[in-house]
Amino acid sequence: MSRSESPTFEPSGTFDDRLDDPDTLRFPDEWKLSGSWQRAQREADRGGPINDAERMVWLDESDEPHRVTFALDGQRLLADCDCRGYRFNRWCAHVASCWWRWSRGEIAVQHLQTGREYPEPPAWFRHDPLPRAGLDDLTPAELDAYLHCDVGGEGVRAFARRTDRAAGTVGNLLTAARETMGGVRR
């Protein structure tokens, strides 16, 4: 594909059909010194979103674009790339580019359960989240309230105002989430 052509990708049928078990993004040791990280900061990305979970990343010095999965799932950030570098190292300039752009508010990342888009990493996001039993059993609304209020520390009223919900509704969602999670506020 020449640089003047505009790449196109067909969206995947479903996220689950494309990937068996997507990886949680893990940063390699000394990732800030890696060539991939340096390249991600130096080169512009001419790609864009393909669907809720995937982006096309086409860095300036690349001959072709790459398909990158970059989405939130529960408390995890899923990442995958179709390039050889990612297959071998579990880290590449394309995934690094998504992280760089997201952390600077240049792209939005979708949460697969709640449908909420995040223009930057949310307060509840952790690189290595603790495993939380019951998280997969929450409804999307319960998960949304739980992540923002209990994990991220946002007040119930502030979250309710920001999401155009009644504070009582958010309180009820949190109560249900806490009961599902074993009755413990975390």
N, C-alpha and C. Protein backbone atom coordinates (compact mmCIF):
# COMPACT_ATOMS: atom_id res chain seq x y z
N MET A 1 0.85 -1.17 0.00
CA MET A 1 0.00 0.00 0.00
C MET A 1 0.90 1.23 0.00
N SER A 2 0.64 2.15 -0.87
CA SER A 2 1.46 3.36 -0.93
C SER A 2 1.00 4.34 0.13
N ARG A 3 1.87 5.28 0.47
CA ARG A 3 1.54 6.26 1.50
C ARG A 3 0.37 7.15 1.11
N SER A 4 0.11 7.30 -0.19
CA SER A 4 -0.96 8.19 -0.62
C SER A 4 -2.33 7.51 -0.55
N GLU A 5 -2.36 6.17 -0.48
CA GLU A 5 -3.63 5.48 -0.38
C GLU A 5 -4.19 5.60 1.03
N SER A 6 -5.48 5.61 1.11
CA SER A 6 -6.14 5.67 2.41
C SER A 6 -6.49 4.25 2.83
N PRO A 7 -5.96 3.78 3.95
CA PRO A 7 -6.22 2.41 4.36
C PRO A 7 -7.65 2.25 4.85
N THR A 8 -8.17 1.07 4.67
CA THR A 8 -9.49 0.76 5.20
C THR A 8 -9.42 -0.59 5.88
N PHE A 9 -10.17 -0.71 6.94
CA PHE A 9 -10.32 -1.98 7.64
C PHE A 9 -11.80 -2.21 7.82
N GLU A 10 -12.19 -3.43 7.69
CA GLU A 10 -13.56 -3.79 8.00
C GLU A 10 -13.63 -4.09 9.50
N PRO A 11 -14.63 -3.57 10.18
CA PRO A 11 -14.76 -3.89 11.59
C PRO A 11 -14.92 -5.39 11.79
N SER A 12 -14.38 -5.89 12.89
CA SER A 12 -14.55 -7.30 13.24
C SER A 12 -16.01 -7.57 13.51
N GLY A 13 -16.43 -8.81 13.29
CA GLY A 13 -17.82 -9.18 13.58
C GLY A 13 -18.15 -8.88 15.02
N THR A 14 -17.40 -9.47 15.94
CA THR A 14 -17.51 -9.15 17.35
C THR A 14 -16.11 -9.19 17.93
N PHE A 15 -15.94 -8.49 19.00
CA PHE A 15 -14.64 -8.46 19.67
C PHE A 15 -14.23 -9.85 20.11
N ASP A 16 -15.16 -10.61 20.70
CA ASP A 16 -14.82 -11.93 21.22
C ASP A 16 -14.45 -12.92 20.13
N ASP A 17 -15.00 -12.76 18.93
CA ASP A 17 -14.68 -13.68 17.84
C ASP A 17 -13.28 -13.45 17.29
N ARG A 18 -12.78 -12.23 17.40
CA ARG A 18 -11.48 -11.92 16.82
C ARG A 18 -10.33 -12.38 17.70
N LEU A 19 -10.48 -12.27 18.99
CA LEU A 19 -9.40 -12.61 19.91
C LEU A 19 -9.87 -13.65 20.90
N ASP A 20 -9.05 -14.66 21.12
CA ASP A 20 -9.43 -15.67 22.10
C ASP A 20 -9.40 -15.09 23.51
N ASP A 21 -8.26 -14.59 23.91
CA ASP A 21 -8.12 -14.03 25.25
C ASP A 21 -7.16 -12.84 25.15
N PRO A 22 -7.70 -11.64 24.92
CA PRO A 22 -6.80 -10.50 24.77
C PRO A 22 -6.00 -10.23 26.02
N ASP A 23 -4.81 -9.73 25.81
CA ASP A 23 -3.90 -9.45 26.92
C ASP A 23 -4.30 -8.19 27.66
N THR A 24 -4.07 -8.21 28.96
CA THR A 24 -4.11 -6.99 29.74
C THR A 24 -2.80 -6.27 29.43
N LEU A 25 -2.87 -4.99 29.16
CA LEU A 25 -1.66 -4.25 28.85
C LEU A 25 -0.70 -4.31 30.03
N ARG A 26 0.48 -4.76 29.76
CA ARG A 26 1.55 -4.80 30.75
C ARG A 26 2.74 -4.06 30.16
N PHE A 27 3.27 -3.15 30.93
CA PHE A 27 4.41 -2.39 30.45
C PHE A 27 5.69 -3.17 30.75
N PRO A 28 6.55 -3.32 29.75
CA PRO A 28 7.80 -4.05 30.00
C PRO A 28 8.72 -3.24 30.92
N ASP A 29 9.71 -3.91 31.48
CA ASP A 29 10.70 -3.22 32.29
C ASP A 29 11.34 -2.11 31.46
N GLU A 30 11.53 -0.98 32.09
CA GLU A 30 12.16 0.17 31.45
C GLU A 30 11.49 0.55 30.12
N TRP A 31 10.16 0.45 30.09
CA TRP A 31 9.41 0.74 28.87
C TRP A 31 9.58 2.17 28.39
N LYS A 32 9.82 3.09 29.32
CA LYS A 32 9.99 4.49 28.93
C LYS A 32 11.30 4.73 28.19
N LEU A 33 12.20 3.75 28.23
CA LEU A 33 13.47 3.85 27.51
C LEU A 33 13.44 3.05 26.21
N SER A 34 12.33 2.37 25.96
CA SER A 34 12.26 1.48 24.80
C SER A 34 12.16 2.28 23.49
N GLY A 35 12.63 1.65 22.43
CA GLY A 35 12.52 2.26 21.10
C GLY A 35 11.07 2.44 20.69
N SER A 36 10.21 1.51 21.10
CA SER A 36 8.78 1.62 20.78
C SER A 36 8.17 2.85 21.42
N TRP A 37 8.51 3.11 22.68
CA TRP A 37 7.98 4.28 23.38
C TRP A 37 8.50 5.57 22.75
N GLN A 38 9.77 5.59 22.43
CA GLN A 38 10.35 6.78 21.80
C GLN A 38 9.68 7.04 20.45
N ARG A 39 9.48 5.99 19.69
CA ARG A 39 8.84 6.11 18.37
C ARG A 39 7.39 6.59 18.51
N ALA A 40 6.68 6.07 19.48
CA ALA A 40 5.29 6.47 19.70
C ALA A 40 5.17 7.96 19.97
N GLN A 41 6.13 8.52 20.68
CA GLN A 41 6.11 9.96 20.99
C GLN A 41 6.55 10.81 19.81
N ARG A 42 7.43 10.26 19.00
CA ARG A 42 8.04 11.02 17.91
C ARG A 42 7.17 11.06 16.65
N GLU A 43 6.48 9.95 16.34
CA GLU A 43 5.76 9.85 15.08
C GLU A 43 4.27 10.14 15.24
N ALA A 44 3.71 10.82 14.27
CA ALA A 44 2.27 11.06 14.24
C ALA A 44 1.55 9.78 13.81
N ASP A 45 0.31 9.66 14.22
CA ASP A 45 -0.52 8.51 13.87
C ASP A 45 -1.62 9.00 12.93
N ARG A 46 -1.62 8.46 11.70
CA ARG A 46 -2.62 8.85 10.71
C ARG A 46 -3.82 7.93 10.71
N GLY A 47 -3.93 7.05 11.70
CA GLY A 47 -5.03 6.10 11.75
C GLY A 47 -6.24 6.66 12.48
N GLY A 48 -7.09 5.78 12.93
CA GLY A 48 -8.29 6.18 13.64
C GLY A 48 -9.05 4.97 14.14
N PRO A 49 -10.21 5.19 14.77
CA PRO A 49 -10.98 4.07 15.32
C PRO A 49 -11.57 3.21 14.20
N ILE A 50 -11.61 1.91 14.46
CA ILE A 50 -12.26 0.97 13.55
C ILE A 50 -13.63 0.61 14.12
N ASN A 51 -13.64 0.30 15.41
CA ASN A 51 -14.88 0.01 16.14
C ASN A 51 -14.63 0.34 17.61
N ASP A 52 -15.51 -0.11 18.49
CA ASP A 52 -15.39 0.25 19.91
C ASP A 52 -14.10 -0.25 20.56
N ALA A 53 -13.54 -1.34 20.06
CA ALA A 53 -12.39 -1.93 20.72
C ALA A 53 -11.09 -1.81 19.93
N GLU A 54 -11.18 -1.41 18.67
CA GLU A 54 -10.00 -1.44 17.82
C GLU A 54 -9.71 -0.09 17.18
N ARG A 55 -8.43 0.11 16.93
CA ARG A 55 -7.97 1.30 16.22
C ARG A 55 -7.02 0.87 15.11
N MET A 56 -7.00 1.64 14.06
CA MET A 56 -5.99 1.48 13.04
C MET A 56 -4.88 2.46 13.42
N VAL A 57 -3.67 1.97 13.56
CA VAL A 57 -2.53 2.82 13.90
C VAL A 57 -1.58 2.79 12.70
N TRP A 58 -1.33 3.98 12.15
CA TRP A 58 -0.42 4.10 11.00
C TRP A 58 0.58 5.20 11.33
N LEU A 59 1.71 4.80 11.85
CA LEU A 59 2.74 5.74 12.26
C LEU A 59 3.49 6.26 11.04
N ASP A 60 4.04 7.46 11.16
CA ASP A 60 4.70 8.13 10.04
C ASP A 60 5.74 7.29 9.33
N GLU A 61 6.55 6.57 10.06
CA GLU A 61 7.63 5.82 9.43
C GLU A 61 7.23 4.38 9.07
N SER A 62 5.95 4.06 9.14
CA SER A 62 5.46 2.72 8.80
C SER A 62 5.04 2.69 7.33
N ASP A 63 5.23 1.54 6.72
CA ASP A 63 4.79 1.35 5.34
C ASP A 63 3.32 0.98 5.27
N GLU A 64 2.79 0.46 6.37
CA GLU A 64 1.39 0.05 6.37
C GLU A 64 0.80 0.22 7.77
N PRO A 65 -0.53 0.29 7.84
CA PRO A 65 -1.18 0.43 9.15
C PRO A 65 -1.25 -0.91 9.87
N HIS A 66 -1.51 -0.83 11.17
CA HIS A 66 -1.69 -2.03 11.99
C HIS A 66 -2.97 -1.92 12.79
N ARG A 67 -3.61 -3.06 13.00
CA ARG A 67 -4.84 -3.14 13.77
C ARG A 67 -4.48 -3.37 15.24
N VAL A 68 -4.94 -2.45 16.09
CA VAL A 68 -4.63 -2.53 17.52
C VAL A 68 -5.93 -2.60 18.30
N THR A 69 -6.01 -3.58 19.18
CA THR A 69 -7.11 -3.64 20.14
C THR A 69 -6.65 -2.82 21.34
N PHE A 70 -7.49 -1.87 21.75
CA PHE A 70 -7.15 -0.99 22.87
C PHE A 70 -8.46 -0.57 23.51
N ALA A 71 -8.89 -1.30 24.54
CA ALA A 71 -10.19 -1.06 25.15
C ALA A 71 -10.16 -1.46 26.62
N LEU A 72 -11.05 -0.85 27.38
CA LEU A 72 -11.19 -1.18 28.80
C LEU A 72 -12.18 -2.33 28.96
N ASP A 73 -11.87 -3.23 29.89
CA ASP A 73 -12.72 -4.38 30.18
C ASP A 73 -12.65 -4.60 31.68
N GLY A 74 -13.74 -4.36 32.40
CA GLY A 74 -13.68 -4.40 33.86
C GLY A 74 -12.73 -3.30 34.31
N GLN A 75 -11.68 -3.68 35.03
CA GLN A 75 -10.66 -2.71 35.44
C GLN A 75 -9.40 -2.83 34.60
N ARG A 76 -9.44 -3.67 33.58
CA ARG A 76 -8.24 -3.93 32.78
C ARG A 76 -8.26 -3.12 31.49
N LEU A 77 -7.09 -2.81 31.00
CA LEU A 77 -6.92 -2.23 29.68
C LEU A 77 -6.41 -3.35 28.79
N LEU A 78 -7.22 -3.72 27.81
CA LEU A 78 -6.84 -4.78 26.88
C LEU A 78 -6.02 -4.19 25.75
N ALA A 79 -5.00 -4.90 25.34
CA ALA A 79 -4.16 -4.44 24.24
C ALA A 79 -3.71 -5.64 23.41
N ASP A 80 -3.71 -5.45 22.11
CA ASP A 80 -3.23 -6.46 21.18
C ASP A 80 -2.92 -5.74 19.87
N CYS A 81 -1.93 -6.24 19.16
CA CYS A 81 -1.57 -5.65 17.86
C CYS A 81 -1.24 -6.78 16.90
N ASP A 82 -1.54 -6.56 15.63
CA ASP A 82 -1.28 -7.59 14.64
C ASP A 82 0.16 -7.59 14.12
N CYS A 83 1.03 -6.74 14.66
CA CYS A 83 2.41 -6.69 14.16
C CYS A 83 3.27 -7.78 14.79
N ARG A 84 4.36 -8.08 14.13
CA ARG A 84 5.29 -9.11 14.64
C ARG A 84 5.94 -8.69 15.96
N GLY A 85 6.24 -7.41 16.11
CA GLY A 85 6.86 -6.93 17.34
C GLY A 85 6.00 -7.23 18.56
N TYR A 86 4.69 -7.02 18.44
CA TYR A 86 3.82 -7.29 19.58
C TYR A 86 3.71 -8.79 19.83
N ARG A 87 3.62 -9.57 18.79
CA ARG A 87 3.52 -11.03 18.95
C ARG A 87 4.75 -11.57 19.69
N PHE A 88 5.92 -10.99 19.43
CA PHE A 88 7.15 -11.48 20.04
C PHE A 88 7.39 -10.88 21.42
N ASN A 89 7.16 -9.57 21.57
CA ASN A 89 7.53 -8.85 22.80
C ASN A 89 6.36 -8.47 23.70
N ARG A 90 5.13 -8.57 23.21
CA ARG A 90 3.95 -8.08 23.93
C ARG A 90 4.04 -6.57 24.19
N TRP A 91 4.76 -5.89 23.31
CA TRP A 91 4.91 -4.43 23.37
C TRP A 91 5.37 -3.99 21.99
N CYS A 92 4.85 -2.90 21.51
CA CYS A 92 5.26 -2.39 20.20
C CYS A 92 4.95 -0.91 20.12
N ALA A 93 5.45 -0.25 19.08
CA ALA A 93 5.24 1.18 18.91
C ALA A 93 3.75 1.51 18.70
N HIS A 94 2.99 0.58 18.14
CA HIS A 94 1.57 0.84 17.86
C HIS A 94 0.75 0.88 19.15
N VAL A 95 1.00 -0.08 20.04
CA VAL A 95 0.33 -0.08 21.35
C VAL A 95 0.84 1.10 22.18
N ALA A 96 2.14 1.35 22.13
CA ALA A 96 2.72 2.49 22.85
C ALA A 96 2.11 3.80 22.36
N SER A 97 1.86 3.89 21.06
CA SER A 97 1.25 5.10 20.49
C SER A 97 -0.16 5.31 21.05
N CYS A 98 -0.92 4.23 21.16
CA CYS A 98 -2.27 4.35 21.73
C CYS A 98 -2.19 4.83 23.18
N TRP A 99 -1.28 4.24 23.96
CA TRP A 99 -1.15 4.68 25.35
C TRP A 99 -0.72 6.15 25.39
N TRP A 100 0.25 6.56 24.63
CA TRP A 100 0.75 7.93 24.61
C TRP A 100 -0.38 8.90 24.27
N ARG A 101 -1.14 8.58 23.25
CA ARG A 101 -2.20 9.48 22.82
C ARG A 101 -3.37 9.51 23.81
N TRP A 102 -3.68 8.36 24.41
CA TRP A 102 -4.77 8.32 25.39
C TRP A 102 -4.37 9.10 26.64
N SER A 103 -3.16 8.91 27.10
CA SER A 103 -2.73 9.60 28.33
C SER A 103 -2.62 11.11 28.13
N ARG A 104 -2.57 11.55 26.89
CA ARG A 104 -2.53 12.98 26.58
C ARG A 104 -3.89 13.53 26.13
N GLY A 105 -4.93 12.70 26.17
CA GLY A 105 -6.28 13.14 25.81
C GLY A 105 -6.50 13.28 24.31
N GLU A 106 -5.71 12.60 23.50
CA GLU A 106 -5.83 12.73 22.04
C GLU A 106 -6.73 11.67 21.40
N ILE A 107 -7.00 10.58 22.12
CA ILE A 107 -7.94 9.57 21.64
C ILE A 107 -8.85 9.19 22.79
N ALA A 108 -9.99 8.64 22.46
CA ALA A 108 -10.92 8.13 23.47
C ALA A 108 -10.87 6.61 23.45
N VAL A 109 -10.97 6.01 24.63
CA VAL A 109 -10.96 4.56 24.76
C VAL A 109 -12.31 4.13 25.33
N GLN A 110 -12.88 3.12 24.73
CA GLN A 110 -14.21 2.63 25.09
C GLN A 110 -14.13 1.57 26.18
N HIS A 111 -15.08 1.62 27.12
CA HIS A 111 -15.22 0.54 28.10
C HIS A 111 -16.23 -0.44 27.51
N LEU A 112 -15.82 -1.68 27.35
CA LEU A 112 -16.63 -2.65 26.64
C LEU A 112 -17.93 -3.02 27.37
N GLN A 113 -17.95 -2.99 28.71
CA GLN A 113 -19.18 -3.33 29.43
C GLN A 113 -20.10 -2.13 29.61
N THR A 114 -19.56 -0.99 29.95
CA THR A 114 -20.42 0.14 30.28
C THR A 114 -20.74 1.01 29.07
N GLY A 115 -19.94 0.89 28.02
CA GLY A 115 -20.16 1.72 26.83
C GLY A 115 -19.63 3.13 26.99
N ARG A 116 -19.09 3.47 28.13
CA ARG A 116 -18.59 4.82 28.37
C ARG A 116 -17.26 5.01 27.65
N GLU A 117 -17.09 6.17 27.06
CA GLU A 117 -15.82 6.54 26.42
C GLU A 117 -15.00 7.37 27.37
N TYR A 118 -13.71 7.09 27.41
CA TYR A 118 -12.80 7.83 28.28
C TYR A 118 -11.76 8.55 27.43
N PRO A 119 -11.76 9.88 27.44
CA PRO A 119 -10.78 10.64 26.67
C PRO A 119 -9.39 10.65 27.30
N GLU A 120 -9.30 10.10 28.50
CA GLU A 120 -8.02 9.96 29.20
C GLU A 120 -8.20 8.86 30.24
N PRO A 121 -7.12 8.31 30.78
CA PRO A 121 -7.27 7.25 31.78
C PRO A 121 -8.09 7.75 32.98
N PRO A 122 -9.14 7.00 33.36
CA PRO A 122 -9.97 7.43 34.49
C PRO A 122 -9.25 7.25 35.83
N ALA A 123 -9.77 7.91 36.84
CA ALA A 123 -9.16 7.86 38.17
C ALA A 123 -9.11 6.45 38.73
N TRP A 124 -10.03 5.59 38.34
CA TRP A 124 -10.06 4.23 38.87
C TRP A 124 -9.10 3.29 38.14
N PHE A 125 -8.51 3.72 37.05
CA PHE A 125 -7.64 2.83 36.27
C PHE A 125 -6.33 2.56 37.01
N ARG A 126 -5.93 1.30 37.03
CA ARG A 126 -4.65 0.88 37.59
C ARG A 126 -3.96 0.00 36.56
N HIS A 127 -2.64 0.14 36.43
CA HIS A 127 -1.90 -0.69 35.48
C HIS A 127 -2.00 -2.16 35.83
N ASP A 128 -1.93 -2.49 37.09
CA ASP A 128 -2.03 -3.87 37.55
C ASP A 128 -3.13 -3.95 38.60
N PRO A 129 -4.40 -3.97 38.16
CA PRO A 129 -5.49 -3.97 39.15
C PRO A 129 -5.52 -5.27 39.94
N LEU A 130 -5.96 -5.16 41.18
CA LEU A 130 -6.14 -6.34 42.01
C LEU A 130 -7.30 -7.16 41.43
N PRO A 131 -7.19 -8.48 41.45
CA PRO A 131 -8.33 -9.28 41.00
C PRO A 131 -9.51 -9.04 41.94
N ARG A 132 -10.66 -8.84 41.38
CA ARG A 132 -11.85 -8.57 42.18
C ARG A 132 -12.92 -9.60 41.83
N ALA A 133 -13.17 -10.51 42.75
CA ALA A 133 -14.20 -11.52 42.54
C ALA A 133 -15.56 -10.84 42.42
N GLY A 134 -16.34 -11.26 41.45
CA GLY A 134 -17.69 -10.72 41.27
C GLY A 134 -17.79 -9.56 40.30
N LEU A 135 -16.68 -9.00 39.87
CA LEU A 135 -16.72 -7.86 38.96
C LEU A 135 -17.46 -8.19 37.67
N ASP A 136 -17.26 -9.41 37.17
CA ASP A 136 -17.93 -9.82 35.93
C ASP A 136 -19.42 -10.04 36.12
N ASP A 137 -19.88 -10.14 37.37
CA ASP A 137 -21.30 -10.39 37.65
C ASP A 137 -22.11 -9.10 37.75
N LEU A 138 -21.46 -7.95 37.72
CA LEU A 138 -22.17 -6.68 37.83
C LEU A 138 -22.82 -6.30 36.50
N THR A 139 -23.94 -5.60 36.59
CA THR A 139 -24.55 -5.04 35.38
C THR A 139 -23.67 -3.89 34.90
N PRO A 140 -23.81 -3.46 33.65
CA PRO A 140 -23.01 -2.32 33.20
C PRO A 140 -23.18 -1.07 34.07
N ALA A 141 -24.40 -0.78 34.50
CA ALA A 141 -24.64 0.41 35.33
C ALA A 141 -24.01 0.25 36.71
N GLU A 142 -24.09 -0.96 37.29
CA GLU A 142 -23.46 -1.20 38.60
C GLU A 142 -21.95 -1.09 38.49
N LEU A 143 -21.39 -1.67 37.44
CA LEU A 143 -19.94 -1.61 37.22
C LEU A 143 -19.48 -0.16 37.06
N ASP A 144 -20.22 0.62 36.31
CA ASP A 144 -19.89 2.02 36.08
C ASP A 144 -19.85 2.78 37.41
N ALA A 145 -20.89 2.63 38.21
CA ALA A 145 -20.95 3.31 39.51
C ALA A 145 -19.85 2.80 40.44
N TYR A 146 -19.65 1.49 40.48
CA TYR A 146 -18.65 0.89 41.35
C TYR A 146 -17.25 1.40 41.02
N LEU A 147 -16.89 1.38 39.74
CA LEU A 147 -15.56 1.81 39.34
C LEU A 147 -15.31 3.28 39.69
N HIS A 148 -16.30 4.11 39.39
CA HIS A 148 -16.10 5.55 39.62
C HIS A 148 -16.16 5.94 41.09
N CYS A 149 -17.11 5.38 41.81
CA CYS A 149 -17.31 5.81 43.19
C CYS A 149 -16.46 5.03 44.19
N ASP A 150 -16.51 3.71 44.15
CA ASP A 150 -15.79 2.92 45.15
C ASP A 150 -14.31 2.78 44.81
N VAL A 151 -13.98 2.51 43.57
CA VAL A 151 -12.58 2.32 43.21
C VAL A 151 -11.90 3.66 42.95
N GLY A 152 -12.57 4.53 42.20
CA GLY A 152 -11.97 5.80 41.81
C GLY A 152 -12.13 6.92 42.83
N GLY A 153 -12.99 6.72 43.82
CA GLY A 153 -13.13 7.70 44.89
C GLY A 153 -13.98 8.91 44.55
N GLU A 154 -14.72 8.85 43.45
CA GLU A 154 -15.60 9.98 43.11
C GLU A 154 -16.83 9.92 44.00
N GLY A 155 -17.27 11.04 44.50
CA GLY A 155 -18.45 11.07 45.35
C GLY A 155 -19.71 10.68 44.60
N VAL A 156 -20.65 10.10 45.31
CA VAL A 156 -21.90 9.64 44.70
C VAL A 156 -22.64 10.81 44.05
N ARG A 157 -22.77 11.93 44.77
CA ARG A 157 -23.49 13.07 44.21
C ARG A 157 -22.77 13.66 42.99
N ALA A 158 -21.46 13.74 43.06
CA ALA A 158 -20.69 14.28 41.92
C ALA A 158 -20.83 13.37 40.70
N PHE A 159 -20.75 12.07 40.92
CA PHE A 159 -20.91 11.12 39.82
C PHE A 159 -22.33 11.19 39.26
N ALA A 160 -23.31 11.28 40.14
CA ALA A 160 -24.70 11.39 39.69
C ALA A 160 -24.91 12.64 38.84
N ARG A 161 -24.39 13.77 39.29
CA ARG A 161 -24.53 15.01 38.51
C ARG A 161 -23.84 14.89 37.15
N ARG A 162 -22.64 14.35 37.15
CA ARG A 162 -21.87 14.25 35.91
C ARG A 162 -22.51 13.31 34.90
N THR A 163 -23.24 12.30 35.38
CA THR A 163 -23.85 11.32 34.49
C THR A 163 -25.35 11.51 34.32
N ASP A 164 -25.87 12.63 34.82
CA ASP A 164 -27.31 12.92 34.73
C ASP A 164 -28.17 11.81 35.33
N ARG A 165 -27.76 11.33 36.49
CA ARG A 165 -28.53 10.35 37.23
C ARG A 165 -28.90 10.94 38.58
N ALA A 166 -29.90 10.38 39.19
CA ALA A 166 -30.26 10.79 40.55
C ALA A 166 -29.27 10.15 41.52
N ALA A 167 -28.93 10.88 42.57
CA ALA A 167 -27.99 10.35 43.57
C ALA A 167 -28.54 9.06 44.19
N GLY A 168 -29.85 8.97 44.37
CA GLY A 168 -30.45 7.75 44.91
C GLY A 168 -30.26 6.56 43.97
N THR A 169 -30.35 6.81 42.69
CA THR A 169 -30.13 5.74 41.70
C THR A 169 -28.70 5.23 41.79
N VAL A 170 -27.75 6.15 41.86
CA VAL A 170 -26.34 5.75 41.97
C VAL A 170 -26.12 5.01 43.28
N GLY A 171 -26.72 5.48 44.37
CA GLY A 171 -26.61 4.79 45.65
C GLY A 171 -27.15 3.37 45.59
N ASN A 172 -28.29 3.20 44.91
CA ASN A 172 -28.86 1.86 44.75
C ASN A 172 -27.96 0.97 43.90
N LEU A 173 -27.38 1.53 42.86
CA LEU A 173 -26.45 0.76 42.02
C LEU A 173 -25.24 0.30 42.83
N LEU A 174 -24.71 1.21 43.66
CA LEU A 174 -23.56 0.87 44.50
C LEU A 174 -23.91 -0.20 45.54
N THR A 175 -25.09 -0.10 46.12
CA THR A 175 -25.52 -1.11 47.09
C THR A 175 -25.59 -2.48 46.43
N ALA A 176 -26.20 -2.53 45.25
CA ALA A 176 -26.29 -3.81 44.52
C ALA A 176 -24.91 -4.33 44.15
N ALA A 177 -24.03 -3.43 43.70
CA ALA A 177 -22.67 -3.84 43.32
C ALA A 177 -21.91 -4.38 44.52
N ARG A 178 -22.03 -3.70 45.65
CA ARG A 178 -21.32 -4.14 46.87
C ARG A 178 -21.83 -5.49 47.35
N GLU A 179 -23.13 -5.69 47.25
CA GLU A 179 -23.68 -6.99 47.65
C GLU A 179 -23.16 -8.10 46.73
N THR A 180 -23.11 -7.83 45.45
CA THR A 180 -22.60 -8.81 44.49
C THR A 180 -21.12 -9.09 44.73
N MET A 181 -20.39 -8.04 45.11
CA MET A 181 -18.95 -8.18 45.34
C MET A 181 -18.64 -8.75 46.72
N GLY A 182 -19.64 -9.14 47.46
CA GLY A 182 -19.40 -9.74 48.77
C GLY A 182 -19.68 -8.82 49.93
N GLY A 183 -20.35 -7.68 49.66
CA GLY A 183 -20.74 -6.78 50.73
C GLY A 183 -19.64 -5.91 51.29
N VAL A 184 -18.50 -5.90 50.66
CA VAL A 184 -17.38 -5.12 51.17
C VAL A 184 -17.13 -3.93 50.26
N ARG A 185 -17.02 -2.77 50.85
CA ARG A 185 -16.67 -1.58 50.07
C ARG A 185 -15.17 -1.61 49.82
N ARG A 186 -14.78 -1.46 48.54
CA ARG A 186 -13.35 -1.57 48.21
C ARG A 186 -12.83 -0.30 47.62
